[in-house]
Protein backbone atom coordinates (compact mmCIF):
# COMPACT_ATOMS: atom_id res chain seq x y z
CA MET A 1 76.98 34.29 23.39
CA PRO A 2 79.33 31.36 23.72
CA VAL A 3 82.43 33.27 22.49
CA VAL A 4 84.54 34.45 25.42
CA LEU A 5 87.51 35.53 23.27
CA ALA A 6 88.11 35.93 19.54
CA ARG A 7 91.86 36.13 18.94
CA VAL A 8 93.96 36.69 15.84
CA ASP A 9 97.29 34.92 16.23
CA ASP A 10 99.36 33.72 13.30
CA ARG A 11 100.83 31.02 15.54
CA LEU A 12 97.31 29.79 16.37
CA LEU A 13 97.55 27.31 19.25
CA HIS A 14 100.55 27.68 21.57
CA GLY A 15 101.46 28.24 25.22
CA GLN A 16 100.11 31.79 25.55
CA VAL A 17 96.71 30.57 24.42
CA VAL A 18 96.60 27.28 26.34
CA GLU A 19 98.26 28.41 29.59
CA GLY A 20 97.37 32.10 29.58
CA TRP A 21 94.20 33.02 27.73
CA THR A 22 92.16 29.82 28.15
CA PRO A 23 92.09 29.92 31.97
CA TYR A 24 91.85 33.73 31.99
CA VAL A 25 88.59 33.72 30.00
CA GLN A 26 87.51 30.39 31.52
CA ALA A 27 87.10 28.78 28.10
CA ASP A 28 86.16 25.12 27.96
CA THR A 29 86.53 24.89 24.18
CA ILE A 30 89.24 26.20 21.86
CA VAL A 31 88.16 26.59 18.23
CA VAL A 32 90.81 26.99 15.55
CA VAL A 33 89.00 28.62 12.61
CA SER A 34 91.01 28.05 9.44
CA ASP A 35 90.22 26.76 5.96
CA THR A 36 93.73 25.35 5.60
CA VAL A 37 94.42 23.93 9.06
CA CYS A 38 91.13 22.00 9.17
CA LEU A 39 92.41 19.97 6.19
CA GLU A 40 95.78 19.13 7.80
CA GLU A 41 95.16 15.98 9.87
CA ASP A 42 98.68 15.76 11.26
CA ARG A 43 98.65 19.39 12.40
CA CYS A 44 95.25 18.88 14.05
CA ARG A 45 96.58 15.84 15.95
CA LEU A 46 99.63 17.79 17.09
CA MET A 47 97.48 20.65 18.36
CA GLN A 48 95.34 18.17 20.29
CA LEU A 49 98.47 17.02 22.14
CA ILE A 50 99.02 20.43 23.75
CA VAL A 51 95.43 20.97 24.86
CA PRO A 52 94.64 19.74 28.39
CA ASP A 53 92.11 16.90 28.63
CA HIS A 54 89.47 19.13 30.26
CA ILE A 55 89.52 21.52 27.27
CA GLU A 56 87.84 20.54 24.01
CA LEU A 57 89.61 21.40 20.75
CA LYS A 58 87.74 21.92 17.50
CA VAL A 59 89.34 22.77 14.18
CA ILE A 60 86.84 24.01 11.63
CA SER A 61 86.56 25.95 8.39
CA LEU A 62 85.53 29.60 8.27
CA GLU A 63 82.20 28.54 6.80
CA GLY A 64 81.58 26.07 9.61
CA LEU A 65 81.87 28.57 12.47
CA GLY A 66 78.31 29.89 12.28
CA ASP A 67 76.77 26.44 12.59
CA LEU A 68 79.12 25.51 15.42
CA LEU A 69 78.14 28.62 17.38
CA LYS A 70 74.43 27.93 16.85
CA ARG A 71 74.71 24.47 18.40
CA SER A 72 77.30 25.30 21.06
CA GLY A 73 74.94 25.28 24.02
CA GLU A 74 76.64 26.43 27.19
CA SER A 75 80.21 26.12 25.87
CA ARG A 76 82.63 28.95 26.56
CA MET A 77 84.60 29.23 23.33
CA LEU A 78 87.93 30.81 22.59
CA LEU A 79 88.17 31.37 18.82
CA LEU A 80 91.57 31.47 17.09
CA PHE A 81 92.08 33.00 13.66
CA ALA A 82 95.37 33.22 11.76
CA ALA A 83 94.52 36.51 10.03
CA LEU A 84 92.30 39.56 10.31
CA ASN A 85 90.69 38.87 6.94
CA ASP A 86 89.48 35.51 8.27
CA VAL A 87 87.57 37.41 10.96
CA ILE A 88 85.98 39.61 8.29
CA SER A 89 84.97 36.50 6.32
CA VAL A 90 83.10 34.98 9.27
CA LEU A 91 81.42 38.31 10.04
CA GLU A 92 80.21 38.52 6.45
CA SER A 93 78.73 35.03 6.84
CA GLY A 94 76.58 36.24 9.74
CA VAL A 95 78.73 35.49 12.80
CA GLU A 96 78.54 38.29 15.37
CA LEU A 97 81.58 39.35 17.37
CA ASP A 98 81.97 42.52 19.41
CA ARG A 99 85.67 42.39 20.27
CA ILE A 100 88.81 41.08 18.58
CA ASN A 101 92.10 40.48 20.36
CA VAL A 102 95.13 40.69 18.08
CA GLY A 103 97.84 38.80 19.90
CA ASN A 104 100.53 37.91 17.41
CA LEU A 105 101.00 38.89 13.78
CA HIS A 106 104.65 38.41 12.88
CA ASN A 107 106.58 38.43 9.63
CA ILE A 108 104.08 40.60 7.83
CA LYS A 109 105.48 41.69 4.48
CA GLY A 110 105.53 45.47 4.46
CA GLY A 111 104.28 45.51 8.03
CA THR A 112 104.73 48.26 10.56
CA GLU A 113 105.38 47.39 14.19
CA VAL A 114 102.39 48.32 16.35
CA THR A 115 103.58 46.33 19.37
CA PRO A 116 106.56 43.96 19.67
CA SER A 117 104.25 41.07 18.69
CA VAL A 118 101.92 42.79 16.20
CA PHE A 119 102.94 44.06 12.77
CA LEU A 120 100.30 45.41 10.41
CA ASN A 121 100.60 46.03 6.67
CA SER A 122 98.21 48.14 4.58
CA LYS A 123 95.86 45.17 4.04
CA ASP A 124 95.70 44.54 7.79
CA LEU A 125 95.11 48.23 8.50
CA GLU A 126 92.17 48.17 6.06
CA ALA A 127 90.82 45.12 7.90
CA VAL A 128 91.17 46.89 11.27
CA LYS A 129 89.41 49.95 9.85
CA HIS A 130 86.60 47.75 8.49
CA LEU A 131 86.14 46.02 11.86
CA ILE A 132 86.15 49.26 13.83
CA HIS A 133 83.63 50.86 11.46
CA LYS A 134 81.37 47.85 12.12
CA GLY A 135 81.49 48.78 15.81
CA ILE A 136 83.93 46.04 16.83
CA THR A 137 86.63 46.82 19.37
CA VAL A 138 90.03 45.70 18.10
CA GLU A 139 92.81 45.50 20.67
CA ALA A 140 96.42 44.39 20.52
CA ARG A 141 97.32 42.39 23.62
CA GLU A 142 99.72 39.48 23.71
CA VAL A 143 98.97 38.03 27.15
CA PRO A 144 96.11 38.53 29.64
CA ASP A 145 98.14 40.61 32.09
CA GLY A 146 99.84 42.61 29.32
CA ALA A 147 99.06 46.12 28.19
CA SER A 148 96.12 46.55 25.83
CA LEU A 149 96.33 48.88 22.85
CA ASP A 150 93.09 49.92 21.13
CA LEU A 151 93.96 49.69 17.43
CA VAL A 152 91.75 52.66 16.61
CA CYS A 153 94.98 54.60 17.21
CA CYS A 154 96.41 53.04 14.03
CA LEU A 155 93.71 54.72 11.96
CA GLN A 156 94.43 58.25 13.07
CA GLU A 157 96.44 60.54 10.85
CA PRO A 158 99.41 62.32 12.42
CA ASP A 159 97.28 65.47 12.92
CA GLY A 160 94.81 63.42 15.02
CA SER A 161 92.05 63.10 12.42
CA GLU A 162 90.83 59.86 10.88
């Protein structure tokens, strides 16, 4: 499979992704998967400015991801999503992912701090539960050398049951 990392990060493309995760997973292509960002030409041009010349940047809609993956060849792709529900949308369209990295979810209305960079509200917790029940590992980890937290822990009741 051409996907070397699928990351949820409300900041999308920034230094942690370009300087940290991209070399760590040896990605040669960064794919921003967003129905809104793909329509914002100026934002797409700005993102291109921070991506090194040897890395390809693609900005596509949620619907376009499946086709892109089918014709990706030998590319090593790092996928960026702004929200957990976007991941669920692409899974429902037939895209297969086995692991999701949640790196940054800030300013979540009604959110509870899971890590200093990840806040989850009830809608996000339902999304995490849905992903885990589909057999997908969901981890919170901001940077490659940072601590990883399996978000299955967020689903457990205080008595230890689910």
